[in-house]
Amino acid sequence: TAVPDGLASVAQISAGWFHTCALKTDGTVV
């Protein structure tokens, strides 16, 4: 749940078992 500082311009999120990923609008993933 510790969202990385400055994460913005997110288009989609997906929560896994103990991790989370975000797809940014520029087509990269965090």
mmCIF file of all heavy atoms, coordinates in Angstrom:
data_MODEL
# 
_entry.id   MODEL 
# 
loop_
_atom_site.group_PDB 
_atom_site.id 
_atom_site.type_symbol 
_atom_site.label_atom_id 
_atom_site.label_alt_id 
_atom_site.label_comp_id 
_atom_site.label_asym_id 
_atom_site.label_entity_id 
_atom_site.label_seq_id 
_atom_site.pdbx_PDB_ins_code 
_atom_site.Cartn_x 
_atom_site.Cartn_y 
_atom_site.Cartn_z 
_atom_site.occupancy 
_atom_site.B_iso_or_equiv 
_atom_site.pdbx_formal_charge 
_atom_site.auth_seq_id 
_atom_site.auth_comp_id 
_atom_site.auth_asym_id 
_atom_site.auth_atom_id 
_atom_site.pdbx_PDB_model_num 
ATOM 1   N N   . THR A 1 1  ? 0.822  -1.211  0.000   1.00 0.00 ? 1  THR A N   1 
ATOM 2   C CA  . THR A 1 1  ? 0.000  0.000   0.000   1.00 0.00 ? 1  THR A CA  1 
ATOM 3   C C   . THR A 1 1  ? 0.859  1.266   0.000   1.00 0.00 ? 1  THR A C   1 
ATOM 4   O O   . THR A 1 1  ? 0.321  2.366   0.019   1.00 0.00 ? 1  THR A O   1 
ATOM 5   C CB  . THR A 1 1  ? -0.957 0.041   1.211   1.00 0.00 ? 1  THR A CB  1 
ATOM 6   O OG1 . THR A 1 1  ? -0.198 0.104   2.407   1.00 0.00 ? 1  THR A OG1 1 
ATOM 7   C CG2 . THR A 1 1  ? -1.871 -1.174  1.232   1.00 0.00 ? 1  THR A CG2 1 
ATOM 8   N N   . ALA A 1 2  ? 2.166  1.118   -0.041  1.00 0.00 ? 2  ALA A N   1 
ATOM 9   C CA  . ALA A 1 2  ? 3.087  2.258   -0.030  1.00 0.00 ? 2  ALA A CA  1 
ATOM 10  C C   . ALA A 1 2  ? 3.278  2.764   -1.456  1.00 0.00 ? 2  ALA A C   1 
ATOM 11  O O   . ALA A 1 2  ? 4.261  2.443   -2.130  1.00 0.00 ? 2  ALA A O   1 
ATOM 12  C CB  . ALA A 1 2  ? 4.417  1.862   0.593   1.00 0.00 ? 2  ALA A CB  1 
ATOM 13  N N   . VAL A 1 3  ? 2.335  3.539   -1.938  1.00 0.00 ? 3  VAL A N   1 
ATOM 14  C CA  . VAL A 1 3  ? 2.380  4.073   -3.296  1.00 0.00 ? 3  VAL A CA  1 
ATOM 15  C C   . VAL A 1 3  ? 3.663  4.902   -3.460  1.00 0.00 ? 3  VAL A C   1 
ATOM 16  O O   . VAL A 1 3  ? 3.958  5.753   -2.620  1.00 0.00 ? 3  VAL A O   1 
ATOM 17  C CB  . VAL A 1 3  ? 1.135  4.949   -3.581  1.00 0.00 ? 3  VAL A CB  1 
ATOM 18  C CG1 . VAL A 1 3  ? 1.193  5.540   -4.980  1.00 0.00 ? 3  VAL A CG1 1 
ATOM 19  C CG2 . VAL A 1 3  ? -0.136 4.136   -3.376  1.00 0.00 ? 3  VAL A CG2 1 
ATOM 20  N N   . PRO A 1 4  ? 4.431  4.649   -4.512  1.00 0.00 ? 4  PRO A N   1 
ATOM 21  C CA  . PRO A 1 4  ? 5.670  5.409   -4.710  1.00 0.00 ? 4  PRO A CA  1 
ATOM 22  C C   . PRO A 1 4  ? 5.409  6.912   -4.773  1.00 0.00 ? 4  PRO A C   1 
ATOM 23  O O   . PRO A 1 4  ? 4.434  7.356   -5.392  1.00 0.00 ? 4  PRO A O   1 
ATOM 24  C CB  . PRO A 1 4  ? 6.200  4.891   -6.049  1.00 0.00 ? 4  PRO A CB  1 
ATOM 25  C CG  . PRO A 1 4  ? 5.593  3.536   -6.199  1.00 0.00 ? 4  PRO A CG  1 
ATOM 26  C CD  . PRO A 1 4  ? 4.245  3.627   -5.547  1.00 0.00 ? 4  PRO A CD  1 
ATOM 27  N N   . ASP A 1 5  ? 6.289  7.685   -4.130  1.00 0.00 ? 5  ASP A N   1 
ATOM 28  C CA  . ASP A 1 5  ? 6.167  9.143   -4.153  1.00 0.00 ? 5  ASP A CA  1 
ATOM 29  C C   . ASP A 1 5  ? 6.167  9.651   -5.590  1.00 0.00 ? 5  ASP A C   1 
ATOM 30  O O   . ASP A 1 5  ? 6.949  9.195   -6.422  1.00 0.00 ? 5  ASP A O   1 
ATOM 31  C CB  . ASP A 1 5  ? 7.323  9.790   -3.392  1.00 0.00 ? 5  ASP A CB  1 
ATOM 32  C CG  . ASP A 1 5  ? 7.227  9.563   -1.890  1.00 0.00 ? 5  ASP A CG  1 
ATOM 33  O OD1 . ASP A 1 5  ? 6.109  9.296   -1.396  1.00 0.00 ? 5  ASP A OD1 1 
ATOM 34  O OD2 . ASP A 1 5  ? 8.276  9.643   -1.221  1.00 0.00 ? 5  ASP A OD2 1 
ATOM 35  N N   . GLY A 1 6  ? 5.278  10.573  -5.870  1.00 0.00 ? 6  GLY A N   1 
ATOM 36  C CA  . GLY A 1 6  ? 5.231  11.214  -7.177  1.00 0.00 ? 6  GLY A CA  1 
ATOM 37  C C   . GLY A 1 6  ? 4.542  10.418  -8.269  1.00 0.00 ? 6  GLY A C   1 
ATOM 38  O O   . GLY A 1 6  ? 4.510  10.869  -9.412  1.00 0.00 ? 6  GLY A O   1 
ATOM 39  N N   . LEU A 1 7  ? 3.998  9.257   -7.945  1.00 0.00 ? 7  LEU A N   1 
ATOM 40  C CA  . LEU A 1 7  ? 3.312  8.474   -8.976  1.00 0.00 ? 7  LEU A CA  1 
ATOM 41  C C   . LEU A 1 7  ? 2.069  9.232   -9.432  1.00 0.00 ? 7  LEU A C   1 
ATOM 42  O O   . LEU A 1 7  ? 1.191  9.552   -8.635  1.00 0.00 ? 7  LEU A O   1 
ATOM 43  C CB  . LEU A 1 7  ? 2.924  7.090   -8.448  1.00 0.00 ? 7  LEU A CB  1 
ATOM 44  C CG  . LEU A 1 7  ? 2.222  6.173   -9.447  1.00 0.00 ? 7  LEU A CG  1 
ATOM 45  C CD1 . LEU A 1 7  ? 3.143  5.844   -10.621 1.00 0.00 ? 7  LEU A CD1 1 
ATOM 46  C CD2 . LEU A 1 7  ? 1.746  4.901   -8.767  1.00 0.00 ? 7  LEU A CD2 1 
ATOM 47  N N   . ALA A 1 8  ? 2.009  9.523   -10.727 1.00 0.00 ? 8  ALA A N   1 
ATOM 48  C CA  . ALA A 1 8  ? 0.889  10.270  -11.301 1.00 0.00 ? 8  ALA A CA  1 
ATOM 49  C C   . ALA A 1 8  ? 0.684  9.803   -12.739 1.00 0.00 ? 8  ALA A C   1 
ATOM 50  O O   . ALA A 1 8  ? 1.440  8.967   -13.233 1.00 0.00 ? 8  ALA A O   1 
ATOM 51  C CB  . ALA A 1 8  ? 1.172  11.765  -11.257 1.00 0.00 ? 8  ALA A CB  1 
ATOM 52  N N   . SER A 1 9  ? -0.300 10.339  -13.389 1.00 0.00 ? 9  SER A N   1 
ATOM 53  C CA  . SER A 1 9  ? -0.627 9.991   -14.779 1.00 0.00 ? 9  SER A CA  1 
ATOM 54  C C   . SER A 1 9  ? -0.836 8.492   -14.939 1.00 0.00 ? 9  SER A C   1 
ATOM 55  O O   . SER A 1 9  ? -0.346 7.873   -15.879 1.00 0.00 ? 9  SER A O   1 
ATOM 56  C CB  . SER A 1 9  ? 0.467  10.482  -15.738 1.00 0.00 ? 9  SER A CB  1 
ATOM 57  O OG  . SER A 1 9  ? 0.607  11.876  -15.656 1.00 0.00 ? 9  SER A OG  1 
ATOM 58  N N   . VAL A 1 10 ? -1.591 7.911   -14.024 1.00 0.00 ? 10 VAL A N   1 
ATOM 59  C CA  . VAL A 1 10 ? -1.870 6.476   -14.046 1.00 0.00 ? 10 VAL A CA  1 
ATOM 60  C C   . VAL A 1 10 ? -3.172 6.234   -14.813 1.00 0.00 ? 10 VAL A C   1 
ATOM 61  O O   . VAL A 1 10 ? -4.157 6.933   -14.632 1.00 0.00 ? 10 VAL A O   1 
ATOM 62  C CB  . VAL A 1 10 ? -1.957 5.920   -12.608 1.00 0.00 ? 10 VAL A CB  1 
ATOM 63  C CG1 . VAL A 1 10 ? -2.384 4.460   -12.607 1.00 0.00 ? 10 VAL A CG1 1 
ATOM 64  C CG2 . VAL A 1 10 ? -0.619 6.096   -11.900 1.00 0.00 ? 10 VAL A CG2 1 
ATOM 65  N N   . ALA A 1 11 ? -3.149 5.211   -15.679 1.00 0.00 ? 11 ALA A N   1 
ATOM 66  C CA  . ALA A 1 11 ? -4.321 4.860   -16.475 1.00 0.00 ? 11 ALA A CA  1 
ATOM 67  C C   . ALA A 1 11 ? -5.023 3.617   -15.954 1.00 0.00 ? 11 ALA A C   1 
ATOM 68  O O   . ALA A 1 11 ? -6.213 3.436   -16.176 1.00 0.00 ? 11 ALA A O   1 
ATOM 69  C CB  . ALA A 1 11 ? -3.906 4.624   -17.934 1.00 0.00 ? 11 ALA A CB  1 
ATOM 70  N N   . GLN A 1 12 ? -4.269 2.713   -15.261 1.00 0.00 ? 12 GLN A N   1 
ATOM 71  C CA  . GLN A 1 12 ? -4.860 1.469   -14.775 1.00 0.00 ? 12 GLN A CA  1 
ATOM 72  C C   . GLN A 1 12 ? -4.056 0.972   -13.579 1.00 0.00 ? 12 GLN A C   1 
ATOM 73  O O   . GLN A 1 12 ? -2.851 1.196   -13.507 1.00 0.00 ? 12 GLN A O   1 
ATOM 74  C CB  . GLN A 1 12 ? -4.831 0.406   -15.876 1.00 0.00 ? 12 GLN A CB  1 
ATOM 75  C CG  . GLN A 1 12 ? -5.529 -0.889  -15.500 1.00 0.00 ? 12 GLN A CG  1 
ATOM 76  C CD  . GLN A 1 12 ? -4.828 -2.131  -16.043 1.00 0.00 ? 12 GLN A CD  1 
ATOM 77  O OE1 . GLN A 1 12 ? -4.086 -2.065  -17.001 1.00 0.00 ? 12 GLN A OE1 1 
ATOM 78  N NE2 . GLN A 1 12 ? -5.069 -3.253  -15.402 1.00 0.00 ? 12 GLN A NE2 1 
ATOM 79  N N   . ILE A 1 13 ? -4.722 0.294   -12.660 1.00 0.00 ? 13 ILE A N   1 
ATOM 80  C CA  . ILE A 1 13 ? -4.042 -0.331  -11.529 1.00 0.00 ? 13 ILE A CA  1 
ATOM 81  C C   . ILE A 1 13 ? -4.450 -1.787  -11.434 1.00 0.00 ? 13 ILE A C   1 
ATOM 82  O O   . ILE A 1 13 ? -5.516 -2.176  -11.919 1.00 0.00 ? 13 ILE A O   1 
ATOM 83  C CB  . ILE A 1 13 ? -4.349 0.383   -10.190 1.00 0.00 ? 13 ILE A CB  1 
ATOM 84  C CG1 . ILE A 1 13 ? -5.858 0.464   -9.956  1.00 0.00 ? 13 ILE A CG1 1 
ATOM 85  C CG2 . ILE A 1 13 ? -3.689 1.742   -10.128 1.00 0.00 ? 13 ILE A CG2 1 
ATOM 86  C CD1 . ILE A 1 13 ? -6.245 0.940   -8.577  1.00 0.00 ? 13 ILE A CD1 1 
ATOM 87  N N   . SER A 1 14 ? -3.583 -2.586  -10.796 1.00 0.00 ? 14 SER A N   1 
ATOM 88  C CA  . SER A 1 14 ? -3.907 -3.979  -10.542 1.00 0.00 ? 14 SER A CA  1 
ATOM 89  C C   . SER A 1 14 ? -3.220 -4.401  -9.254  1.00 0.00 ? 14 SER A C   1 
ATOM 90  O O   . SER A 1 14 ? -2.002 -4.288  -9.133  1.00 0.00 ? 14 SER A O   1 
ATOM 91  C CB  . SER A 1 14 ? -3.454 -4.864  -11.704 1.00 0.00 ? 14 SER A CB  1 
ATOM 92  O OG  . SER A 1 14 ? -3.853 -6.209  -11.491 1.00 0.00 ? 14 SER A OG  1 
ATOM 93  N N   . ALA A 1 15 ? -4.005 -4.861  -8.302  1.00 0.00 ? 15 ALA A N   1 
ATOM 94  C CA  . ALA A 1 15 ? -3.475 -5.319  -7.017  1.00 0.00 ? 15 ALA A CA  1 
ATOM 95  C C   . ALA A 1 15 ? -3.334 -6.835  -7.062  1.00 0.00 ? 15 ALA A C   1 
ATOM 96  O O   . ALA A 1 15 ? -4.266 -7.540  -7.433  1.00 0.00 ? 15 ALA A O   1 
ATOM 97  C CB  . ALA A 1 15 ? -4.405 -4.910  -5.879  1.00 0.00 ? 15 ALA A CB  1 
ATOM 98  N N   . GLY A 1 16 ? -2.149 -7.312  -6.698  1.00 0.00 ? 16 GLY A N   1 
ATOM 99  C CA  . GLY A 1 16 ? -1.904 -8.751  -6.625  1.00 0.00 ? 16 GLY A CA  1 
ATOM 100 C C   . GLY A 1 16 ? -1.993 -9.231  -5.188  1.00 0.00 ? 16 GLY A C   1 
ATOM 101 O O   . GLY A 1 16 ? -2.575 -8.563  -4.331  1.00 0.00 ? 16 GLY A O   1 
ATOM 102 N N   . TRP A 1 17 ? -1.382 -10.355 -4.904  1.00 0.00 ? 17 TRP A N   1 
ATOM 103 C CA  . TRP A 1 17 ? -1.434 -10.940 -3.565  1.00 0.00 ? 17 TRP A CA  1 
ATOM 104 C C   . TRP A 1 17 ? -0.844 -9.990  -2.538  1.00 0.00 ? 17 TRP A C   1 
ATOM 105 O O   . TRP A 1 17 ? -1.526 -9.567  -1.618  1.00 0.00 ? 17 TRP A O   1 
ATOM 106 C CB  . TRP A 1 17 ? -0.695 -12.277 -3.596  1.00 0.00 ? 17 TRP A CB  1 
ATOM 107 C CG  . TRP A 1 17 ? -0.929 -13.151 -2.416  1.00 0.00 ? 17 TRP A CG  1 
ATOM 108 C CD1 . TRP A 1 17 ? -0.093 -13.299 -1.358  1.00 0.00 ? 17 TRP A CD1 1 
ATOM 109 C CD2 . TRP A 1 17 ? -2.040 -14.003 -2.162  1.00 0.00 ? 17 TRP A CD2 1 
ATOM 110 N NE1 . TRP A 1 17 ? -0.607 -14.200 -0.464  1.00 0.00 ? 17 TRP A NE1 1 
ATOM 111 C CE2 . TRP A 1 17 ? -1.805 -14.661 -0.935  1.00 0.00 ? 17 TRP A CE2 1 
ATOM 112 C CE3 . TRP A 1 17 ? -3.201 -14.296 -2.861  1.00 0.00 ? 17 TRP A CE3 1 
ATOM 113 C CZ2 . TRP A 1 17 ? -2.686 -15.576 -0.403  1.00 0.00 ? 17 TRP A CZ2 1 
ATOM 114 C CZ3 . TRP A 1 17 ? -4.075 -15.210 -2.325  1.00 0.00 ? 17 TRP A CZ3 1 
ATOM 115 C CH2 . TRP A 1 17 ? -3.820 -15.837 -1.105  1.00 0.00 ? 17 TRP A CH2 1 
ATOM 116 N N   . PHE A 1 18 ? 0.433  -9.654  -2.677  1.00 0.00 ? 18 PHE A N   1 
ATOM 117 C CA  . PHE A 1 18 ? 1.106  -8.722  -1.768  1.00 0.00 ? 18 PHE A CA  1 
ATOM 118 C C   . PHE A 1 18 ? 1.838  -7.635  -2.541  1.00 0.00 ? 18 PHE A C   1 
ATOM 119 O O   . PHE A 1 18 ? 2.852  -7.116  -2.079  1.00 0.00 ? 18 PHE A O   1 
ATOM 120 C CB  . PHE A 1 18 ? 2.114  -9.460  -0.873  1.00 0.00 ? 18 PHE A CB  1 
ATOM 121 C CG  . PHE A 1 18 ? 1.499  -10.426 0.088   1.00 0.00 ? 18 PHE A CG  1 
ATOM 122 C CD1 . PHE A 1 18 ? 1.825  -11.767 0.046   1.00 0.00 ? 18 PHE A CD1 1 
ATOM 123 C CD2 . PHE A 1 18 ? 0.593  -9.997  1.049   1.00 0.00 ? 18 PHE A CD2 1 
ATOM 124 C CE1 . PHE A 1 18 ? 1.274  -12.670 0.938   1.00 0.00 ? 18 PHE A CE1 1 
ATOM 125 C CE2 . PHE A 1 18 ? 0.028  -10.897 1.947   1.00 0.00 ? 18 PHE A CE2 1 
ATOM 126 C CZ  . PHE A 1 18 ? 0.371  -12.232 1.885   1.00 0.00 ? 18 PHE A CZ  1 
ATOM 127 N N   . HIS A 1 19 ? 1.391  -7.320  -3.736  1.00 0.00 ? 19 HIS A N   1 
ATOM 128 C CA  . HIS A 1 19 ? 2.028  -6.267  -4.536  1.00 0.00 ? 19 HIS A CA  1 
ATOM 129 C C   . HIS A 1 19 ? 0.971  -5.556  -5.374  1.00 0.00 ? 19 HIS A C   1 
ATOM 130 O O   . HIS A 1 19 ? -0.162 -6.028  -5.495  1.00 0.00 ? 19 HIS A O   1 
ATOM 131 C CB  . HIS A 1 19 ? 3.146  -6.835  -5.415  1.00 0.00 ? 19 HIS A CB  1 
ATOM 132 C CG  . HIS A 1 19 ? 2.670  -7.696  -6.549  1.00 0.00 ? 19 HIS A CG  1 
ATOM 133 N ND1 . HIS A 1 19 ? 2.139  -8.951  -6.363  1.00 0.00 ? 19 HIS A ND1 1 
ATOM 134 C CD2 . HIS A 1 19 ? 2.657  -7.490  -7.885  1.00 0.00 ? 19 HIS A CD2 1 
ATOM 135 C CE1 . HIS A 1 19 ? 1.829  -9.486  -7.532  1.00 0.00 ? 19 HIS A CE1 1 
ATOM 136 N NE2 . HIS A 1 19 ? 2.132  -8.609  -8.475  1.00 0.00 ? 19 HIS A NE2 1 
ATOM 137 N N   . THR A 1 20 ? 1.357  -4.417  -5.915  1.00 0.00 ? 20 THR A N   1 
ATOM 138 C CA  . THR A 1 20 ? 0.447  -3.609  -6.716  1.00 0.00 ? 20 THR A CA  1 
ATOM 139 C C   . THR A 1 20 ? 1.216  -3.052  -7.903  1.00 0.00 ? 20 THR A C   1 
ATOM 140 O O   . THR A 1 20 ? 2.395  -2.721  -7.784  1.00 0.00 ? 20 THR A O   1 
ATOM 141 C CB  . THR A 1 20 ? -0.116 -2.437  -5.885  1.00 0.00 ? 20 THR A CB  1 
ATOM 142 O OG1 . THR A 1 20 ? -0.691 -2.969  -4.679  1.00 0.00 ? 20 THR A OG1 1 
ATOM 143 C CG2 . THR A 1 20 ? -1.165 -1.662  -6.644  1.00 0.00 ? 20 THR A CG2 1 
ATOM 144 N N   . CYS A 1 21 ? 0.566  -2.931  -9.049  1.00 0.00 ? 21 CYS A N   1 
ATOM 145 C CA  . CYS A 1 21 ? 1.189  -2.355  -10.242 1.00 0.00 ? 21 CYS A CA  1 
ATOM 146 C C   . CYS A 1 21 ? 0.271  -1.296  -10.836 1.00 0.00 ? 21 CYS A C   1 
ATOM 147 O O   . CYS A 1 21 ? -0.951 -1.392  -10.745 1.00 0.00 ? 21 CYS A O   1 
ATOM 148 C CB  . CYS A 1 21 ? 1.466  -3.431  -11.285 1.00 0.00 ? 21 CYS A CB  1 
ATOM 149 S SG  . CYS A 1 21 ? 2.715  -4.620  -10.768 1.00 0.00 ? 21 CYS A SG  1 
ATOM 150 N N   . ALA A 1 22 ? 0.902  -0.307  -11.443 1.00 0.00 ? 22 ALA A N   1 
ATOM 151 C CA  . ALA A 1 22 ? 0.168  0.780   -12.095 1.00 0.00 ? 22 ALA A CA  1 
ATOM 152 C C   . ALA A 1 22 ? 0.675  0.936   -13.522 1.00 0.00 ? 22 ALA A C   1 
ATOM 153 O O   . ALA A 1 22 ? 1.891  0.940   -13.758 1.00 0.00 ? 22 ALA A O   1 
ATOM 154 C CB  . ALA A 1 22 ? 0.365  2.084   -11.333 1.00 0.00 ? 22 ALA A CB  1 
ATOM 155 N N   . LEU A 1 23 ? -0.249 1.060   -14.457 1.00 0.00 ? 23 LEU A N   1 
ATOM 156 C CA  . LEU A 1 23 ? 0.077  1.370   -15.849 1.00 0.00 ? 23 LEU A CA  1 
ATOM 157 C C   . LEU A 1 23 ? -0.083 2.868   -16.020 1.00 0.00 ? 23 LEU A C   1 
ATOM 158 O O   . LEU A 1 23 ? -1.158 3.414   -15.761 1.00 0.00 ? 23 LEU A O   1 
ATOM 159 C CB  . LEU A 1 23 ? -0.863 0.621   -16.802 1.00 0.00 ? 23 LEU A CB  1 
ATOM 160 C CG  . LEU A 1 23 ? -0.804 1.018   -18.271 1.00 0.00 ? 23 LEU A CG  1 
ATOM 161 C CD1 . LEU A 1 23 ? 0.589  0.770   -18.846 1.00 0.00 ? 23 LEU A CD1 1 
ATOM 162 C CD2 . LEU A 1 23 ? -1.862 0.257   -19.060 1.00 0.00 ? 23 LEU A CD2 1 
ATOM 163 N N   . LYS A 1 24 ? 0.997  3.513   -16.439 1.00 0.00 ? 24 LYS A N   1 
ATOM 164 C CA  . LYS A 1 24 ? 0.941  4.957   -16.640 1.00 0.00 ? 24 LYS A CA  1 
ATOM 165 C C   . LYS A 1 24 ? 0.459  5.273   -18.048 1.00 0.00 ? 24 LYS A C   1 
ATOM 166 O O   . LYS A 1 24 ? 0.511  4.427   -18.946 1.00 0.00 ? 24 LYS A O   1 
ATOM 167 C CB  . LYS A 1 24 ? 2.321  5.567   -16.368 1.00 0.00 ? 24 LYS A CB  1 
ATOM 168 C CG  . LYS A 1 24 ? 2.756  5.356   -14.908 1.00 0.00 ? 24 LYS A CG  1 
ATOM 169 C CD  . LYS A 1 24 ? 4.080  5.991   -14.618 1.00 0.00 ? 24 LYS A CD  1 
ATOM 170 C CE  . LYS A 1 24 ? 3.907  7.494   -14.746 1.00 0.00 ? 24 LYS A CE  1 
ATOM 171 N NZ  . LYS A 1 24 ? 5.099  8.233   -14.388 1.00 0.00 ? 24 LYS A NZ  1 
ATOM 172 N N   . THR A 1 25 ? -0.006 6.479   -18.254 1.00 0.00 ? 25 THR A N   1 
ATOM 173 C CA  . THR A 1 25 ? -0.547 6.879   -19.553 1.00 0.00 ? 25 THR A CA  1 
ATOM 174 C C   . THR A 1 25 ? 0.509  6.896   -20.646 1.00 0.00 ? 25 THR A C   1 
ATOM 175 O O   . THR A 1 25 ? 0.175  6.865   -21.822 1.00 0.00 ? 25 THR A O   1 
ATOM 176 C CB  . THR A 1 25 ? -1.225 8.268   -19.473 1.00 0.00 ? 25 THR A CB  1 
ATOM 177 O OG1 . THR A 1 25 ? -0.282 9.215   -18.987 1.00 0.00 ? 25 THR A OG1 1 
ATOM 178 C CG2 . THR A 1 25 ? -2.445 8.223   -18.575 1.00 0.00 ? 25 THR A CG2 1 
ATOM 179 N N   . ASP A 1 26 ? 1.784  6.897   -20.280 1.00 0.00 ? 26 ASP A N   1 
ATOM 180 C CA  . ASP A 1 26 ? 2.846  6.853   -21.291 1.00 0.00 ? 26 ASP A CA  1 
ATOM 181 C C   . ASP A 1 26 ? 3.203  5.421   -21.685 1.00 0.00 ? 26 ASP A C   1 
ATOM 182 O O   . ASP A 1 26 ? 4.138  5.191   -22.453 1.00 0.00 ? 26 ASP A O   1 
ATOM 183 C CB  . ASP A 1 26 ? 4.092  7.603   -20.821 1.00 0.00 ? 26 ASP A CB  1 
ATOM 184 C CG  . ASP A 1 26 ? 4.769  6.972   -19.611 1.00 0.00 ? 26 ASP A CG  1 
ATOM 185 O OD1 . ASP A 1 26 ? 4.303  5.919   -19.107 1.00 0.00 ? 26 ASP A OD1 1 
ATOM 186 O OD2 . ASP A 1 26 ? 5.784  7.531   -19.153 1.00 0.00 ? 26 ASP A OD2 1 
ATOM 187 N N   . GLY A 1 27 ? 2.463  4.415   -21.164 1.00 0.00 ? 27 GLY A N   1 
ATOM 188 C CA  . GLY A 1 27 ? 2.686  3.027   -21.531 1.00 0.00 ? 27 GLY A CA  1 
ATOM 189 C C   . GLY A 1 27 ? 3.753  2.322   -20.711 1.00 0.00 ? 27 GLY A C   1 
ATOM 190 O O   . GLY A 1 27 ? 4.149  1.210   -21.042 1.00 0.00 ? 27 GLY A O   1 
ATOM 191 N N   . THR A 1 28 ? 4.219  2.948   -19.628 1.00 0.00 ? 28 THR A N   1 
ATOM 192 C CA  . THR A 1 28 ? 5.189  2.307   -18.748 1.00 0.00 ? 28 THR A CA  1 
ATOM 193 C C   . THR A 1 28 ? 4.465  1.768   -17.509 1.00 0.00 ? 28 THR A C   1 
ATOM 194 O O   . THR A 1 28 ? 3.329  2.155   -17.219 1.00 0.00 ? 28 THR A O   1 
ATOM 195 C CB  . THR A 1 28 ? 6.307  3.269   -18.321 1.00 0.00 ? 28 THR A CB  1 
ATOM 196 O OG1 . THR A 1 28 ? 5.736  4.376   -17.623 1.00 0.00 ? 28 THR A OG1 1 
ATOM 197 C CG2 . THR A 1 28 ? 7.084  3.764   -19.540 1.00 0.00 ? 28 THR A CG2 1 
ATOM 198 N N   . VAL A 1 29 ? 5.147  0.883   -16.783 1.00 0.00 ? 29 VAL A N   1 
ATOM 199 C CA  . VAL A 1 29 ? 4.557  0.231   -15.612 1.00 0.00 ? 29 VAL A CA  1 
ATOM 200 C C   . VAL A 1 29 ? 5.424  0.491   -14.392 1.00 0.00 ? 29 VAL A C   1 
ATOM 201 O O   . VAL A 1 29 ? 6.657  0.460   -14.474 1.00 0.00 ? 29 VAL A O   1 
ATOM 202 C CB  . VAL A 1 29 ? 4.426  -1.293  -15.849 1.00 0.00 ? 29 VAL A CB  1 
ATOM 203 C CG1 . VAL A 1 29 ? 3.940  -2.009  -14.601 1.00 0.00 ? 29 VAL A CG1 1 
ATOM 204 C CG2 . VAL A 1 29 ? 3.496  -1.567  -17.021 1.00 0.00 ? 29 VAL A CG2 1 
ATOM 205 N N   . VAL A 1 30 ? 4.768  0.740   -13.262 1.00 0.00 ? 30 VAL A N   1 
ATOM 206 C CA  . VAL A 1 30 ? 5.429  0.906   -11.969 1.00 0.00 ? 30 VAL A CA  1 
ATOM 207 C C   . VAL A 1 30 ? 4.786  -0.086  -11.009 1.00 0.00 ? 30 VAL A C   1 
ATOM 208 O O   . VAL A 1 30 ? 3.560  -0.168  -10.942 1.00 0.00 ? 30 VAL A O   1 
ATOM 209 C CB  . VAL A 1 30 ? 5.256  2.350   -11.436 1.00 0.00 ? 30 VAL A CB  1 
ATOM 210 C CG1 . VAL A 1 30 ? 5.855  2.492   -10.047 1.00 0.00 ? 30 VAL A CG1 1 
ATOM 211 C CG2 . VAL A 1 30 ? 5.832  3.362   -12.410 1.00 0.00 ? 30 VAL A CG2 1 
# 
